[in-house]
Amino acid sequence: MNIREVMQHENVDFSGIETSYFLLGLLSAFDNRFQAVADKLIGEISWKQFFAIICINLCKESPTIKELAGIMGSSHQNVKQILLKLEKKGFVNISIDRNDKRKQRVELTEKCIDFCNANDEKSDKAVNAMFDGITEEQLRITIQTIMQLEDNLQKQ
């Protein structure tokens, strides 16, 4: 059932819900649905694992697990579990930092880079289809709104 079907379902009543609560619910439901679709699309690894790879790619140098957790917006423990699964599959190497033995750094392997290159076209096609009919202005407003929500969340 997609969100439009949920909204029209006879057993669901959204009339009394505040817009801000509705948006939070919508974002949560979208995240669940997106993760399920992305997991199927990617196949060999989960969306969360792929997201970790994307975030590692954003870094100028191999990030520490703590840095990666901050980028991903997740706990150190959750990110470590994701990375251990990726390491087991041969997608990342986790090593001790040369300058600070308390830190662990993460780097992508050749297998991971090859996997990403092999799936670039499929990924681009899926993202383009998902954003079909959405203007640049709508995207900018959505990004600004989510960034403001994030700022407000950090103040709590």
Protein backbone atom coordinates (compact mmCIF):
# COMPACT_ATOMS: atom_id res chain seq x y z
CA MET A 1 0.00 0.00 0.00
CA ASN A 2 1.50 3.38 -0.95
CA ILE A 3 0.93 6.62 0.95
CA ARG A 4 -1.90 7.77 -1.34
CA GLU A 5 -3.71 4.48 -0.76
CA VAL A 6 -3.17 4.81 2.99
CA MET A 7 -4.58 8.36 2.91
CA GLN A 8 -7.70 7.15 1.07
CA HIS A 9 -8.19 4.00 3.13
CA GLU A 10 -11.56 3.92 4.86
CA ASN A 11 -10.04 2.92 8.20
CA VAL A 12 -7.56 5.81 8.36
CA ASP A 13 -8.53 9.36 9.38
CA PHE A 14 -5.95 12.13 8.95
CA SER A 15 -8.42 15.00 9.44
CA GLY A 16 -7.40 15.76 13.03
CA ILE A 17 -3.64 15.54 12.61
CA GLU A 18 -1.47 18.66 12.62
CA THR A 19 0.52 19.32 9.45
CA SER A 20 3.88 19.04 11.25
CA TYR A 21 2.97 15.63 12.69
CA PHE A 22 1.67 14.50 9.32
CA LEU A 23 4.98 15.49 7.69
CA LEU A 24 6.99 13.56 10.31
CA GLY A 25 4.85 10.49 9.72
CA LEU A 26 5.12 10.92 5.98
CA LEU A 27 8.92 11.13 6.19
CA SER A 28 9.06 8.00 8.36
CA ALA A 29 6.75 6.05 6.06
CA PHE A 30 8.70 7.23 3.01
CA ASP A 31 11.99 6.18 4.62
CA ASN A 32 10.60 2.67 5.22
CA ARG A 33 9.24 2.36 1.69
CA PHE A 34 12.39 3.79 0.11
CA GLN A 35 14.61 1.42 2.09
CA ALA A 36 12.57 -1.59 0.93
CA VAL A 37 12.75 -0.52 -2.73
CA ALA A 38 16.45 0.37 -2.50
CA ASP A 39 17.28 -2.95 -0.82
CA LYS A 40 15.69 -4.79 -3.76
CA LEU A 41 17.38 -2.57 -6.33
CA ILE A 42 20.87 -2.83 -4.90
CA GLY A 43 20.60 -6.54 -4.13
CA GLU A 44 24.05 -7.58 -2.90
CA ILE A 45 24.08 -5.08 -0.03
CA SER A 46 21.40 -3.21 1.91
CA TRP A 47 20.47 0.43 1.41
CA LYS A 48 22.02 1.31 4.78
CA GLN A 49 25.26 -0.37 3.73
CA PHE A 50 25.17 1.46 0.40
CA PHE A 51 24.48 4.74 2.22
CA ALA A 52 27.60 4.15 4.33
CA ILE A 53 29.59 3.69 1.11
CA ILE A 54 28.16 6.94 -0.29
CA CYS A 55 29.13 8.78 2.91
CA ILE A 56 32.66 7.32 2.86
CA ASN A 57 32.96 8.56 -0.73
CA LEU A 58 32.08 12.08 0.43
CA CYS A 59 35.17 12.21 2.64
CA LYS A 60 38.45 13.65 1.36
CA GLU A 61 40.39 11.05 3.36
CA SER A 62 39.42 7.77 5.00
CA PRO A 63 37.00 8.71 7.79
CA THR A 64 37.06 7.39 11.31
CA ILE A 65 34.04 5.40 12.40
CA LYS A 66 33.06 8.32 14.66
CA GLU A 67 33.26 10.79 11.73
CA LEU A 68 31.24 8.45 9.53
CA ALA A 69 28.59 8.05 12.24
CA GLY A 70 28.25 11.84 12.37
CA ILE A 71 27.87 12.10 8.61
CA MET A 72 25.32 9.30 8.52
CA GLY A 73 23.37 10.68 11.50
CA SER A 74 23.63 7.38 13.33
CA SER A 75 25.29 5.98 16.43
CA HIS A 76 28.87 4.74 16.46
CA GLN A 77 27.57 1.29 17.39
CA ASN A 78 25.09 1.09 14.47
CA VAL A 79 27.68 2.30 11.97
CA LYS A 80 30.23 -0.18 13.29
CA GLN A 81 27.75 -3.03 12.72
CA ILE A 82 27.08 -1.85 9.16
CA LEU A 83 30.82 -1.60 8.50
CA LEU A 84 31.54 -5.06 9.92
CA LYS A 85 29.00 -6.52 7.48
CA LEU A 86 30.57 -4.57 4.61
CA GLU A 87 34.02 -5.71 5.69
CA LYS A 88 32.87 -9.34 5.74
CA LYS A 89 31.61 -8.90 2.15
CA GLY A 90 34.94 -7.36 1.11
CA PHE A 91 33.60 -3.85 0.48
CA VAL A 92 35.57 -1.95 3.13
CA ASN A 93 38.75 -2.24 5.16
CA ILE A 94 38.71 -1.11 8.79
CA SER A 95 42.17 -0.29 10.14
CA ILE A 96 43.77 1.36 13.15
CA ASP A 97 44.73 5.01 12.60
CA ARG A 98 48.50 5.42 12.26
CA ASN A 99 48.59 8.52 14.49
CA ASP A 100 46.00 7.58 17.11
CA LYS A 101 45.62 3.90 17.98
CA ARG A 102 42.23 4.58 19.60
CA LYS A 103 40.68 5.49 16.22
CA GLN A 104 39.63 3.17 13.44
CA ARG A 105 39.58 4.38 9.85
CA VAL A 106 37.45 3.04 7.01
CA GLU A 107 38.37 2.79 3.36
CA LEU A 108 36.64 1.35 0.34
CA THR A 109 38.10 -1.68 -1.40
CA GLU A 110 38.57 -2.22 -5.14
CA LYS A 111 35.66 -4.67 -4.97
CA CYS A 112 33.46 -1.88 -3.64
CA ILE A 113 34.59 0.61 -6.26
CA ASP A 114 33.95 -1.96 -9.01
CA PHE A 115 30.49 -2.67 -7.54
CA CYS A 116 29.63 1.04 -7.49
CA ASN A 117 30.84 1.55 -11.06
CA ALA A 118 28.85 -1.47 -12.25
CA ASN A 119 25.67 -0.13 -10.61
CA ASP A 120 26.00 3.58 -11.46
CA GLU A 121 23.69 3.48 -14.47
CA LYS A 122 20.99 1.46 -12.68
CA SER A 123 21.20 3.78 -9.68
CA ASP A 124 20.99 6.93 -11.80
CA LYS A 125 18.00 5.55 -13.67
CA ALA A 126 16.15 4.73 -10.43
CA VAL A 127 16.88 8.14 -8.88
CA ASN A 128 15.81 9.97 -12.04
CA ALA A 129 12.55 7.99 -12.10
CA MET A 130 11.90 8.74 -8.44
CA PHE A 131 12.38 12.48 -8.94
CA ASP A 132 10.41 12.62 -12.18
CA GLY A 133 8.10 15.65 -12.23
CA ILE A 134 9.82 17.36 -9.29
CA THR A 135 11.31 20.76 -10.11
CA GLU A 136 14.66 22.12 -8.95
CA GLU A 137 12.76 24.71 -6.91
CA GLN A 138 10.76 22.00 -5.13
CA LEU A 139 13.99 20.15 -4.39
CA ARG A 140 15.66 23.29 -3.01
CA ILE A 141 12.68 24.05 -0.76
CA THR A 142 12.59 20.45 0.49
CA ILE A 143 16.34 20.52 1.20
CA GLN A 144 16.04 23.85 3.04
CA THR A 145 13.11 22.54 5.10
CA ILE A 146 14.90 19.33 6.11
CA MET A 147 18.08 21.25 6.95
CA GLN A 148 16.05 23.61 9.18
CA LEU A 149 14.41 20.62 10.85
CA GLU A 150 17.89 19.16 11.45
CA ASP A 151 19.12 22.47 12.92
CA ASN A 152 16.10 22.61 15.23
CA LEU A 153 16.61 19.00 16.24
CA GLN A 154 20.22 19.71 17.21
CA LYS A 155 19.03 22.47 19.57
CA GLN A 156 17.05 19.99 21.68
